[in-house]
Amino acid sequence: MTAAACFAAAMVVFPAVTESGSKTAIVIWANSIVPILLPFFIFADFIKRVGNPEKLPLRVYPFAVAFMSGYPMGAKIVGDLTSRGFFTIDEGKHVLSYSLVTGPAFIIGTVGAFLGNTRAAVVAAMAHYMGALLNGMIYRCPKKKERSEKEIPQKRSIAGTTYMESFTASIIAGFKAMAVILAYLILFMIAMELMESLGLFRMLPGEAWSAFAKGIIEMTVGSNMIGICDISIGLKTVLTSFIISFGGLSVIGQSVSMASGSGLGLGTILQIKLTHGLIAGILAAVFALFI
């Protein structure tokens, strides 16, 4: 409560900073998040409402959709499946540990443009996805006996609900999810702008550490800042790989919100993203030798 009050007071004291952070967040959201994520959120919610996900390879489905769409789709799907009883909390944690990934279009396209080097972007992508698989091995849980058909949660249908009504409900749910993502993005962008105004980033030893710290808060901004730093392409690749796989506090906040009610909370998501980031950074350091 005290932190929230202080943050609100800071926004009142620094209105220009608040406005700048909000505008930047809205631009990122409108240009980079809504066009990519909204269709997949609608699609995933529609499948959940009218489909039979128990007939799909559930341990692959979240990763496949997250791979196509990006953060925080993996958290949404795994959270939904865990809430509905398809996964135990331990199973959900395992699946989430390799399914909470971003898409190759963002890494190779957007981050590649930031780094000005396509090969470096490919290395970052390899480190990200291989890191996710290795991360899954860390959080794997003992394989349990397959559940019988009676034990598998069945699809809940509402009498008289048509496909169009379900699709309309999925559209509403999709826009609700987009609003949550925007709110988190605005919050963390304002926080970053306030920290910048107070000179906190300038206290760090060098522009690379300042850019890296910004990436810990918001990965897109941090990746862009690392790209313009006067450091070697190898170091840029390693730092960016960690940031992309960690996701930044903004993505972690979004993921916690998407997985709400599933038992996969902040501690769990923060832990799996931290280990994913560390593994990806180490892999990138090895792969960067070939750039």
C-alpha atoms as a PDB file:
ATOM      1  CA  MET A   1       0.000   0.000   0.000  1.00  0.00           C
ATOM      2  CA  THR A   2       2.819   2.406   0.903  1.00  0.00           C
ATOM      3  CA  ALA A   3       4.668   1.629  -2.335  1.00  0.00           C
ATOM      4  CA  ALA A   4       1.496   2.223  -4.357  1.00  0.00           C
ATOM      5  CA  ALA A   5       0.926   5.564  -2.597  1.00  0.00           C
ATOM      6  CA  CYS A   6       4.523   6.640  -3.264  1.00  0.00           C
ATOM      7  CA  PHE A   7       4.236   5.631  -6.914  1.00  0.00           C
ATOM      8  CA  ALA A   8       0.981   7.585  -7.294  1.00  0.00           C
ATOM      9  CA  ALA A   9       2.566  10.622  -5.627  1.00  0.00           C
ATOM     10  CA  ALA A  10       5.556  10.421  -7.978  1.00  0.00           C
ATOM     11  CA  MET A  11       3.224  10.431 -10.991  1.00  0.00           C
ATOM     12  CA  VAL A  12       1.584  13.596  -9.669  1.00  0.00           C
ATOM     13  CA  VAL A  13       4.934  15.287  -8.991  1.00  0.00           C
ATOM     14  CA  PHE A  14       6.331  14.302 -12.413  1.00  0.00           C
ATOM     15  CA  PRO A  15       3.364  14.592 -14.819  1.00  0.00           C
ATOM     16  CA  ALA A  16       5.578  14.985 -17.903  1.00  0.00           C
ATOM     17  CA  VAL A  17       7.415  11.765 -17.075  1.00  0.00           C
ATOM     18  CA  THR A  18       4.125   9.964 -16.537  1.00  0.00           C
ATOM     19  CA  GLU A  19       2.819  11.201 -19.877  1.00  0.00           C
ATOM     20  CA  SER A  20       6.004  10.200 -21.716  1.00  0.00           C
ATOM     21  CA  GLY A  21       6.043   6.713 -20.203  1.00  0.00           C
ATOM     22  CA  SER A  22       2.368   6.167 -20.963  1.00  0.00           C
ATOM     23  CA  LYS A  23       2.731   7.290 -24.574  1.00  0.00           C
ATOM     24  CA  THR A  24       5.742   5.031 -25.126  1.00  0.00           C
ATOM     25  CA  ALA A  25       3.867   2.066 -23.641  1.00  0.00           C
ATOM     26  CA  ILE A  26       0.813   2.694 -25.824  1.00  0.00           C
ATOM     27  CA  VAL A  27       2.958   2.914 -28.975  1.00  0.00           C
ATOM     28  CA  ILE A  28       4.724  -0.388 -28.160  1.00  0.00           C
ATOM     29  CA  TRP A  29       1.369  -1.997 -27.312  1.00  0.00           C
ATOM     30  CA  ALA A  30      -0.425  -0.801 -30.442  1.00  0.00           C
ATOM     31  CA  ASN A  31       2.405  -1.506 -32.884  1.00  0.00           C
ATOM     32  CA  SER A  32       4.047  -4.642 -31.507  1.00  0.00           C
ATOM     33  CA  ILE A  33       1.633  -6.442 -29.185  1.00  0.00           C
ATOM     34  CA  VAL A  34      -1.974  -6.116 -30.352  1.00  0.00           C
ATOM     35  CA  PRO A  35      -1.380  -7.089 -34.021  1.00  0.00           C
ATOM     36  CA  ILE A  36       0.536 -10.207 -32.985  1.00  0.00           C
ATOM     37  CA  LEU A  37      -1.132 -11.355 -29.774  1.00  0.00           C
ATOM     38  CA  LEU A  38      -4.817 -10.453 -30.113  1.00  0.00           C
ATOM     39  CA  PRO A  39      -5.678 -13.022 -32.834  1.00  0.00           C
ATOM     40  CA  PHE A  40      -3.967 -15.786 -30.862  1.00  0.00           C
ATOM     41  CA  PHE A  41      -5.700 -14.840 -27.609  1.00  0.00           C
ATOM     42  CA  ILE A  42      -9.064 -14.997 -29.372  1.00  0.00           C
ATOM     43  CA  PHE A  43      -8.149 -18.295 -31.056  1.00  0.00           C
ATOM     44  CA  ALA A  44      -6.944 -19.946 -27.832  1.00  0.00           C
ATOM     45  CA  ASP A  45      -9.996 -18.813 -25.863  1.00  0.00           C
ATOM     46  CA  PHE A  46     -12.368 -20.016 -28.611  1.00  0.00           C
ATOM     47  CA  ILE A  47     -10.704 -23.446 -28.660  1.00  0.00           C
ATOM     48  CA  LYS A  48     -11.051 -23.590 -24.883  1.00  0.00           C
ATOM     49  CA  ARG A  49     -14.781 -22.802 -25.093  1.00  0.00           C
ATOM     50  CA  VAL A  50     -15.862 -25.087 -27.924  1.00  0.00           C
ATOM     51  CA  GLY A  51     -13.017 -27.562 -28.458  1.00  0.00           C
ATOM     52  CA  ASN A  52     -11.774 -30.657 -26.715  1.00  0.00           C
ATOM     53  CA  PRO A  53      -8.263 -29.789 -25.527  1.00  0.00           C
ATOM     54  CA  GLU A  54      -7.977 -33.124 -23.734  1.00  0.00           C
ATOM     55  CA  LYS A  55      -7.588 -34.709 -27.187  1.00  0.00           C
ATOM     56  CA  LEU A  56      -4.589 -32.488 -28.003  1.00  0.00           C
ATOM     57  CA  PRO A  57      -0.966 -33.100 -26.935  1.00  0.00           C
ATOM     58  CA  LEU A  58      -1.284 -30.827 -23.909  1.00  0.00           C
ATOM     59  CA  ARG A  59       2.433 -30.698 -23.132  1.00  0.00           C
ATOM     60  CA  VAL A  60       3.156 -29.433 -26.650  1.00  0.00           C
ATOM     61  CA  TYR A  61       0.138 -27.204 -27.326  1.00  0.00           C
ATOM     62  CA  PRO A  62       1.125 -24.298 -24.996  1.00  0.00           C
ATOM     63  CA  PHE A  63       4.661 -24.136 -26.421  1.00  0.00           C
ATOM     64  CA  ALA A  64       3.413 -24.285 -30.029  1.00  0.00           C
ATOM     65  CA  VAL A  65       0.960 -21.414 -29.576  1.00  0.00           C
ATOM     66  CA  ALA A  66       3.465 -19.352 -27.554  1.00  0.00           C
ATOM     67  CA  PHE A  67       6.085 -19.956 -30.261  1.00  0.00           C
ATOM     68  CA  MET A  68       3.710 -18.505 -32.855  1.00  0.00           C
ATOM     69  CA  SER A  69       2.435 -15.591 -30.795  1.00  0.00           C
ATOM     70  CA  GLY A  70       4.916 -14.733 -28.024  1.00  0.00           C
ATOM     71  CA  TYR A  71       4.679 -13.535 -24.418  1.00  0.00           C
ATOM     72  CA  PRO A  72       2.553 -14.046 -22.332  1.00  0.00           C
ATOM     73  CA  MET A  73       0.461 -16.572 -24.295  1.00  0.00           C
ATOM     74  CA  GLY A  74       2.223 -19.563 -22.710  1.00  0.00           C
ATOM     75  CA  ALA A  75       1.210 -18.381 -19.242  1.00  0.00           C
ATOM     76  CA  LYS A  76      -2.402 -17.930 -20.306  1.00  0.00           C
ATOM     77  CA  ILE A  77      -2.760 -21.394 -21.831  1.00  0.00           C
ATOM     78  CA  VAL A  78      -0.902 -23.268 -19.082  1.00  0.00           C
ATOM     79  CA  GLY A  79      -2.767 -21.264 -16.441  1.00  0.00           C
ATOM     80  CA  ASP A  80      -6.129 -22.140 -18.024  1.00  0.00           C
ATOM     81  CA  LEU A  81      -5.266 -25.835 -18.335  1.00  0.00           C
ATOM     82  CA  THR A  82      -4.006 -25.971 -14.749  1.00  0.00           C
ATOM     83  CA  SER A  83      -7.090 -24.166 -13.431  1.00  0.00           C
ATOM     84  CA  ARG A  84      -9.330 -26.631 -15.256  1.00  0.00           C
ATOM     85  CA  GLY A  85      -7.510 -29.636 -13.805  1.00  0.00           C
ATOM     86  CA  PHE A  86      -5.684 -30.907 -16.874  1.00  0.00           C
ATOM     87  CA  PHE A  87      -2.384 -30.298 -15.035  1.00  0.00           C
ATOM     88  CA  THR A  88      -1.471 -30.459 -11.383  1.00  0.00           C
ATOM     89  CA  ILE A  89       0.419 -27.396 -10.149  1.00  0.00           C
ATOM     90  CA  ASP A  90       3.732 -29.265 -10.450  1.00  0.00           C
ATOM     91  CA  GLU A  91       2.865 -30.396 -13.985  1.00  0.00           C
ATOM     92  CA  GLY A  92       1.785 -26.863 -14.862  1.00  0.00           C
ATOM     93  CA  LYS A  93       5.088 -25.489 -13.569  1.00  0.00           C
ATOM     94  CA  HIS A  94       6.980 -27.999 -15.693  1.00  0.00           C
ATOM     95  CA  VAL A  95       5.051 -27.195 -18.888  1.00  0.00           C
ATOM     96  CA  LEU A  96       5.258 -23.451 -18.221  1.00  0.00           C
ATOM     97  CA  SER A  97       9.047 -23.667 -17.738  1.00  0.00           C
ATOM     98  CA  TYR A  98       9.511 -24.390 -21.456  1.00  0.00           C
ATOM     99  CA  SER A  99       6.319 -22.846 -22.836  1.00  0.00           C
ATOM    100  CA  LEU A 100       6.721 -19.267 -21.602  1.00  0.00           C
ATOM    101  CA  VAL A 101       8.613 -18.103 -24.687  1.00  0.00           C
ATOM    102  CA  THR A 102       8.405 -15.315 -27.225  1.00  0.00           C
ATOM    103  CA  GLY A 103       8.116 -15.704 -30.988  1.00  0.00           C
ATOM    104  CA  PRO A 104      10.920 -15.924 -33.569  1.00  0.00           C
ATOM    105  CA  ALA A 105       9.478 -12.948 -35.467  1.00  0.00           C
ATOM    106  CA  PHE A 106      10.215 -10.725 -32.472  1.00  0.00           C
ATOM    107  CA  ILE A 107      13.716 -12.099 -31.879  1.00  0.00           C
ATOM    108  CA  ILE A 108      14.950 -12.274 -35.469  1.00  0.00           C
ATOM    109  CA  GLY A 109      12.981  -9.329 -36.810  1.00  0.00           C
ATOM    110  CA  THR A 110      12.729  -6.749 -34.042  1.00  0.00           C
ATOM    111  CA  VAL A 111      15.773  -7.660 -31.945  1.00  0.00           C
ATOM    112  CA  GLY A 112      17.795  -8.339 -35.097  1.00  0.00           C
ATOM    113  CA  ALA A 113      17.076  -4.781 -36.212  1.00  0.00           C
ATOM    114  CA  PHE A 114      18.109  -3.479 -32.778  1.00  0.00           C
ATOM    115  CA  LEU A 115      21.410  -5.365 -32.936  1.00  0.00           C
ATOM    116  CA  GLY A 116      21.966  -4.620 -36.612  1.00  0.00           C
ATOM    117  CA  ASN A 117      23.135  -8.193 -37.092  1.00  0.00           C
ATOM    118  CA  THR A 118      20.927 -11.041 -38.306  1.00  0.00           C
ATOM    119  CA  ARG A 119      23.404 -13.731 -37.244  1.00  0.00           C
ATOM    120  CA  ALA A 120      23.401 -12.354 -33.705  1.00  0.00           C
ATOM    121  CA  ALA A 121      19.600 -12.481 -33.703  1.00  0.00           C
ATOM    122  CA  VAL A 122      19.645 -16.101 -34.874  1.00  0.00           C
ATOM    123  CA  VAL A 123      22.078 -16.933 -32.048  1.00  0.00           C
ATOM    124  CA  ALA A 124      19.739 -15.224 -29.564  1.00  0.00           C
ATOM    125  CA  ALA A 125      16.802 -17.235 -30.942  1.00  0.00           C
ATOM    126  CA  MET A 126      18.726 -20.518 -30.682  1.00  0.00           C
ATOM    127  CA  ALA A 127      19.752 -19.705 -27.115  1.00  0.00           C
ATOM    128  CA  HIS A 128      16.163 -18.775 -26.247  1.00  0.00           C
ATOM    129  CA  TYR A 129      14.516 -21.971 -27.500  1.00  0.00           C
ATOM    130  CA  MET A 130      17.277 -24.374 -26.521  1.00  0.00           C
ATOM    131  CA  GLY A 131      17.315 -22.640 -23.143  1.00  0.00           C
ATOM    132  CA  ALA A 132      13.587 -23.252 -22.813  1.00  0.00           C
ATOM    133  CA  LEU A 133      14.023 -26.980 -23.450  1.00  0.00           C
ATOM    134  CA  LEU A 134      16.859 -27.233 -20.933  1.00  0.00           C
ATOM    135  CA  ASN A 135      14.819 -25.203 -18.476  1.00  0.00           C
ATOM    136  CA  GLY A 136      12.050 -27.759 -18.824  1.00  0.00           C
ATOM    137  CA  MET A 137      14.462 -30.481 -17.782  1.00  0.00           C
ATOM    138  CA  ILE A 138      15.191 -28.607 -14.548  1.00  0.00           C
ATOM    139  CA  TYR A 139      11.522 -28.418 -13.589  1.00  0.00           C
ATOM    140  CA  ARG A 140      10.396 -31.820 -14.832  1.00  0.00           C
ATOM    141  CA  CYS A 141       8.226 -33.758 -12.433  1.00  0.00           C
ATOM    142  CA  PRO A 142       7.783 -37.539 -12.049  1.00  0.00           C
ATOM    143  CA  LYS A 143       5.584 -39.005 -14.745  1.00  0.00           C
ATOM    144  CA  LYS A 144       2.259 -40.069 -13.359  1.00  0.00           C
ATOM    145  CA  LYS A 145      -0.030 -42.829 -14.492  1.00  0.00           C
ATOM    146  CA  GLU A 146      -2.313 -41.747 -17.313  1.00  0.00           C
ATOM    147  CA  ARG A 147      -5.688 -40.681 -16.027  1.00  0.00           C
ATOM    148  CA  SER A 148      -8.761 -42.584 -17.067  1.00  0.00           C
ATOM    149  CA  GLU A 149     -11.439 -40.929 -19.169  1.00  0.00           C
ATOM    150  CA  LYS A 150     -13.595 -40.396 -16.073  1.00  0.00           C
ATOM    151  CA  GLU A 151     -10.753 -38.528 -14.328  1.00  0.00           C
ATOM    152  CA  ILE A 152     -10.152 -36.107 -17.191  1.00  0.00           C
ATOM    153  CA  PRO A 153     -12.046 -32.842 -16.733  1.00  0.00           C
ATOM    154  CA  GLN A 154     -14.698 -32.581 -19.375  1.00  0.00           C
ATOM    155  CA  LYS A 155     -15.550 -29.584 -21.489  1.00  0.00           C
ATOM    156  CA  ARG A 156     -18.196 -27.463 -19.858  1.00  0.00           C
ATOM    157  CA  SER A 157     -20.831 -26.337 -22.339  1.00  0.00           C
ATOM    158  CA  ILE A 158     -23.617 -23.863 -21.807  1.00  0.00           C
ATOM    159  CA  ALA A 159     -26.975 -24.937 -23.152  1.00  0.00           C
ATOM    160  CA  GLY A 160     -28.084 -22.906 -26.139  1.00  0.00           C
ATOM    161  CA  THR A 161     -24.689 -21.313 -26.672  1.00  0.00           C
ATOM    162  CA  THR A 162     -23.894 -21.030 -30.376  1.00  0.00           C
ATOM    163  CA  TYR A 163     -20.479 -20.890 -32.001  1.00  0.00           C
ATOM    164  CA  MET A 164     -21.001 -17.196 -32.775  1.00  0.00           C
ATOM    165  CA  GLU A 165     -21.832 -16.454 -29.145  1.00  0.00           C
ATOM    166  CA  SER A 166     -18.740 -18.343 -28.039  1.00  0.00           C
ATOM    167  CA  PHE A 167     -16.638 -16.488 -30.600  1.00  0.00           C
ATOM    168  CA  THR A 168     -18.021 -13.140 -29.424  1.00  0.00           C
ATOM    169  CA  ALA A 169     -17.187 -14.089 -25.828  1.00  0.00           C
ATOM    170  CA  SER A 170     -13.655 -15.000 -26.959  1.00  0.00           C
ATOM    171  CA  ILE A 171     -13.255 -11.598 -28.642  1.00  0.00           C
ATOM    172  CA  ILE A 172     -14.287  -9.859 -25.410  1.00  0.00           C
ATOM    173  CA  ALA A 173     -11.878 -12.025 -23.417  1.00  0.00           C
ATOM    174  CA  GLY A 174      -9.104 -11.252 -25.915  1.00  0.00           C
ATOM    175  CA  PHE A 175      -9.547  -7.502 -25.592  1.00  0.00           C
ATOM    176  CA  LYS A 176      -9.715  -7.841 -21.808  1.00  0.00           C
ATOM    177  CA  ALA A 177      -6.350  -9.624 -21.883  1.00  0.00           C
ATOM    178  CA  MET A 178      -4.941  -6.870 -24.125  1.00  0.00           C
ATOM    179  CA  ALA A 179      -6.105  -4.244 -21.624  1.00  0.00           C
ATOM    180  CA  VAL A 180      -4.325  -6.076 -18.796  1.00  0.00           C
ATOM    181  CA  ILE A 181      -1.106  -6.229 -20.823  1.00  0.00           C
ATOM    182  CA  LEU A 182      -1.358  -2.506 -21.636  1.00  0.00           C
ATOM    183  CA  ALA A 183      -1.879  -1.646 -17.961  1.00  0.00           C
ATOM    184  CA  TYR A 184       1.256  -3.559 -16.933  1.00  0.00           C
ATOM    185  CA  LEU A 185       3.255  -2.056 -19.786  1.00  0.00           C
ATOM    186  CA  ILE A 186       2.218   1.486 -18.821  1.00  0.00           C
ATOM    187  CA  LEU A 187       3.045   0.804 -15.171  1.00  0.00           C
ATOM    188  CA  PHE A 188       6.561  -0.426 -15.869  1.00  0.00           C
ATOM    189  CA  MET A 189       7.292   2.199 -18.529  1.00  0.00           C
ATOM    190  CA  ILE A 190       6.326   4.972 -16.110  1.00  0.00           C
ATOM    191  CA  ALA A 191       8.495   3.366 -13.429  1.00  0.00           C
ATOM    192  CA  MET A 192      11.409   3.253 -15.859  1.00  0.00           C
ATOM    193  CA  GLU A 193      10.923   6.893 -16.862  1.00  0.00           C
ATOM    194  CA  LEU A 194      10.782   7.930 -13.195  1.00  0.00           C
ATOM    195  CA  MET A 195      14.000   6.042 -12.454  1.00  0.00           C
ATOM    196  CA  GLU A 196      15.614   7.724 -15.459  1.00  0.00           C
ATOM    197  CA  SER A 197      14.508  11.165 -14.244  1.00  0.00           C
ATOM    198  CA  LEU A 198      15.883  10.500 -10.778  1.00  0.00           C
ATOM    199  CA  GLY A 199      19.243   9.536 -12.287  1.00  0.00           C
ATOM    200  CA  LEU A 200      19.223   5.993 -10.936  1.00  0.00           C
ATOM    201  CA  PHE A 201      20.404   4.455 -14.203  1.00  0.00           C
ATOM    202  CA  ARG A 202      23.287   6.921 -14.409  1.00  0.00           C
ATOM    203  CA  MET A 203      24.612   5.507 -11.141  1.00  0.00           C
ATOM    204  CA  LEU A 204      25.408   2.227 -12.878  1.00  0.00           C
ATOM    205  CA  PRO A 205      28.951   1.663 -14.247  1.00  0.00           C
ATOM    206  CA  GLY A 206      28.565   2.256 -17.975  1.00  0.00           C
ATOM    207  CA  GLU A 207      25.889   2.441 -20.634  1.00  0.00           C
ATOM    208  CA  ALA A 208      25.729  -1.340 -21.096  1.00  0.00           C
ATOM    209  CA  TRP A 209      24.744  -1.920 -17.464  1.00  0.00           C
ATOM    210  CA  SER A 210      22.198   0.897 -17.687  1.00  0.00           C
ATOM    211  CA  ALA A 211      20.660  -0.662 -20.809  1.00  0.00           C
ATOM    212  CA  PHE A 212      20.687  -4.101 -19.183  1.00  0.00           C
ATOM    213  CA  ALA A 213      18.904  -2.745 -16.091  1.00  0.00           C
ATOM    214  CA  LYS A 214      16.226  -1.230 -18.318  1.00  0.00           C
ATOM    215  CA  GLY A 215      15.853  -4.616 -20.015  1.00  0.00           C
ATOM    216  CA  ILE A 216      15.259  -6.246 -16.637  1.00  0.00           C
ATOM    217  CA  ILE A 217      12.252  -3.933 -16.353  1.00  0.00           C
ATOM    218  CA  GLU A 218      11.015  -3.993 -19.973  1.00  0.00           C
ATOM    219  CA  MET A 219      12.711  -6.263 -22.500  1.00  0.00           C
ATOM    220  CA  THR A 220      11.863  -4.391 -25.721  1.00  0.00           C
ATOM    221  CA  VAL A 221      13.251  -1.089 -24.469  1.00  0.00           C
ATOM    222  CA  GLY A 222      16.286  -2.802 -22.946  1.00  0.00           C
ATOM    223  CA  SER A 223      17.060  -4.751 -26.127  1.00  0.00           C
ATOM    224  CA  ASN A 224      16.887  -1.543 -28.139  1.00  0.00           C
ATOM    225  CA  MET A 225      19.197   0.274 -25.710  1.00  0.00           C
ATOM    226  CA  ILE A 226      21.723  -2.581 -25.733  1.00  0.00           C
ATOM    227  CA  GLY A 227      21.756  -2.442 -29.526  1.00  0.00           C
ATOM    228  CA  ILE A 228      23.052   1.131 -29.520  1.00  0.00           C
ATOM    229  CA  CYS A 229      25.694   0.573 -26.827  1.00  0.00           C
ATOM    230  CA  ASP A 230      29.364   0.805 -27.802  1.00  0.00           C
ATOM    231  CA  ILE A 231      30.223  -2.798 -26.912  1.00  0.00           C
ATOM    232  CA  SER A 232      31.113  -5.914 -28.897  1.00  0.00           C
ATOM    233  CA  ILE A 233      28.399  -7.750 -30.835  1.00  0.00           C
ATOM    234  CA  GLY A 234      29.133 -10.849 -28.769  1.00  0.00           C
ATOM    235  CA  LEU A 235      28.401  -9.090 -25.493  1.00  0.00           C
ATOM    236  CA  LYS A 236      25.300  -7.490 -26.989  1.00  0.00           C
ATOM    237  CA  THR A 237      24.066 -10.948 -27.970  1.00  0.00           C
ATOM    238  CA  VAL A 238      24.652 -12.426 -24.517  1.00  0.00           C
ATOM    239  CA  LEU A 239      22.960  -9.561 -22.669  1.00  0.00           C
ATOM    240  CA  THR A 240      20.037  -9.506 -25.095  1.00  0.00           C
ATOM    241  CA  SER A 241      19.606 -13.281 -24.885  1.00  0.00           C
ATOM    242  CA  PHE A 242      19.311 -13.097 -21.117  1.00  0.00           C
ATOM    243  CA  ILE A 243      16.807 -10.241 -21.307  1.00  0.00           C
ATOM    244  CA  ILE A 244      14.640 -11.947 -23.935  1.00  0.00           C
ATOM    245  CA  SER A 245      14.486 -15.225 -22.012  1.00  0.00           C
ATOM    246  CA  PHE A 246      13.995 -13.557 -18.626  1.00  0.00           C
ATOM    247  CA  GLY A 247      11.266 -11.480 -20.236  1.00  0.00           C
ATOM    248  CA  GLY A 248      11.582  -8.453 -18.001  1.00  0.00           C
ATOM    249  CA  LEU A 249       9.442  -7.586 -14.980  1.00  0.00           C
ATOM    250  CA  SER A 250       6.727  -6.282 -17.283  1.00  0.00           C
ATOM    251  CA  VAL A 251       6.288  -9.667 -19.003  1.00  0.00           C
ATOM    252  CA  ILE A 252       6.494 -11.460 -15.655  1.00  0.00           C
ATOM    253  CA  GLY A 253       3.711  -9.233 -14.301  1.00  0.00           C
ATOM    254  CA  GLN A 254       1.599  -9.909 -17.392  1.00  0.00           C
ATOM    255  CA  SER A 255       2.210 -13.655 -17.056  1.00  0.00           C
ATOM    256  CA  VAL A 256       1.202 -13.688 -13.385  1.00  0.00           C
ATOM    257  CA  SER A 257      -2.024 -11.945 -14.331  1.00  0.00           C
ATOM    258  CA  MET A 258      -2.713 -14.385 -17.189  1.00  0.00           C
ATOM    259  CA  ALA A 259      -2.119 -17.413 -14.903  1.00  0.00           C
ATOM    260  CA  SER A 260      -4.169 -16.000 -12.039  1.00  0.00           C
ATOM    261  CA  GLY A 261      -6.130 -18.617 -10.119  1.00  0.00           C
ATOM    262  CA  SER A 262      -4.042 -21.547 -11.331  1.00  0.00           C
ATOM    263  CA  GLY A 263      -1.607 -21.737  -8.414  1.00  0.00           C
ATOM    264  CA  LEU A 264       1.248 -20.606 -10.694  1.00  0.00           C
ATOM    265  CA  GLY A 265       2.100 -17.375  -8.928  1.00  0.00           C
ATOM    266  CA  LEU A 266       4.784 -14.705  -8.958  1.00  0.00           C
ATOM    267  CA  GLY A 267       7.404 -16.823  -7.164  1.00  0.00           C
ATOM    268  CA  THR A 268       7.034 -19.705  -9.603  1.00  0.00           C
ATOM    269  CA  ILE A 269       7.086 -17.576 -12.746  1.00  0.00           C
ATOM    270  CA  LEU A 270       9.962 -15.401 -11.536  1.00  0.00           C
ATOM    271  CA  GLN A 271      11.995 -18.524 -10.720  1.00  0.00           C
ATOM    272  CA  ILE A 272      11.491 -20.243 -14.077  1.00  0.00           C
ATOM    273  CA  LYS A 273      12.178 -17.052 -16.042  1.00  0.00           C
ATOM    274  CA  LEU A 274      15.348 -16.361 -14.069  1.00  0.00           C
ATOM    275  CA  THR A 275      16.746 -19.836 -14.764  1.00  0.00           C
ATOM    276  CA  HIS A 276      15.649 -19.594 -18.403  1.00  0.00           C
ATOM    277  CA  GLY A 277      17.488 -16.283 -18.737  1.00  0.00           C
ATOM    278  CA  LEU A 278      20.668 -17.637 -17.157  1.00  0.00           C
ATOM    279  CA  ILE A 279      20.691 -20.753 -19.367  1.00  0.00           C
ATOM    280  CA  ALA A 280      20.049 -18.684 -22.511  1.00  0.00           C
ATOM    281  CA  GLY A 281      22.807 -16.266 -21.580  1.00  0.00           C
ATOM    282  CA  ILE A 282      25.312 -19.089 -21.133  1.00  0.00           C
ATOM    283  CA  LEU A 283      24.303 -20.716 -24.436  1.00  0.00           C
ATOM    284  CA  ALA A 284      24.555 -17.362 -26.210  1.00  0.00           C
ATOM    285  CA  ALA A 285      28.063 -16.863 -24.819  1.00  0.00           C
ATOM    286  CA  VAL A 286      29.073 -20.177 -26.413  1.00  0.00           C
ATOM    287  CA  PHE A 287      27.251 -19.601 -29.714  1.00  0.00           C
ATOM    288  CA  ALA A 288      28.519 -15.995 -29.952  1.00  0.00           C
ATOM    289  CA  LEU A 289      31.991 -17.343 -30.650  1.00  0.00           C
ATOM    290  CA  PHE A 290      30.735 -18.193 -34.148  1.00  0.00           C
ATOM    291  CA  ILE A 291      29.275 -14.775 -34.979  1.00  0.00           C
END
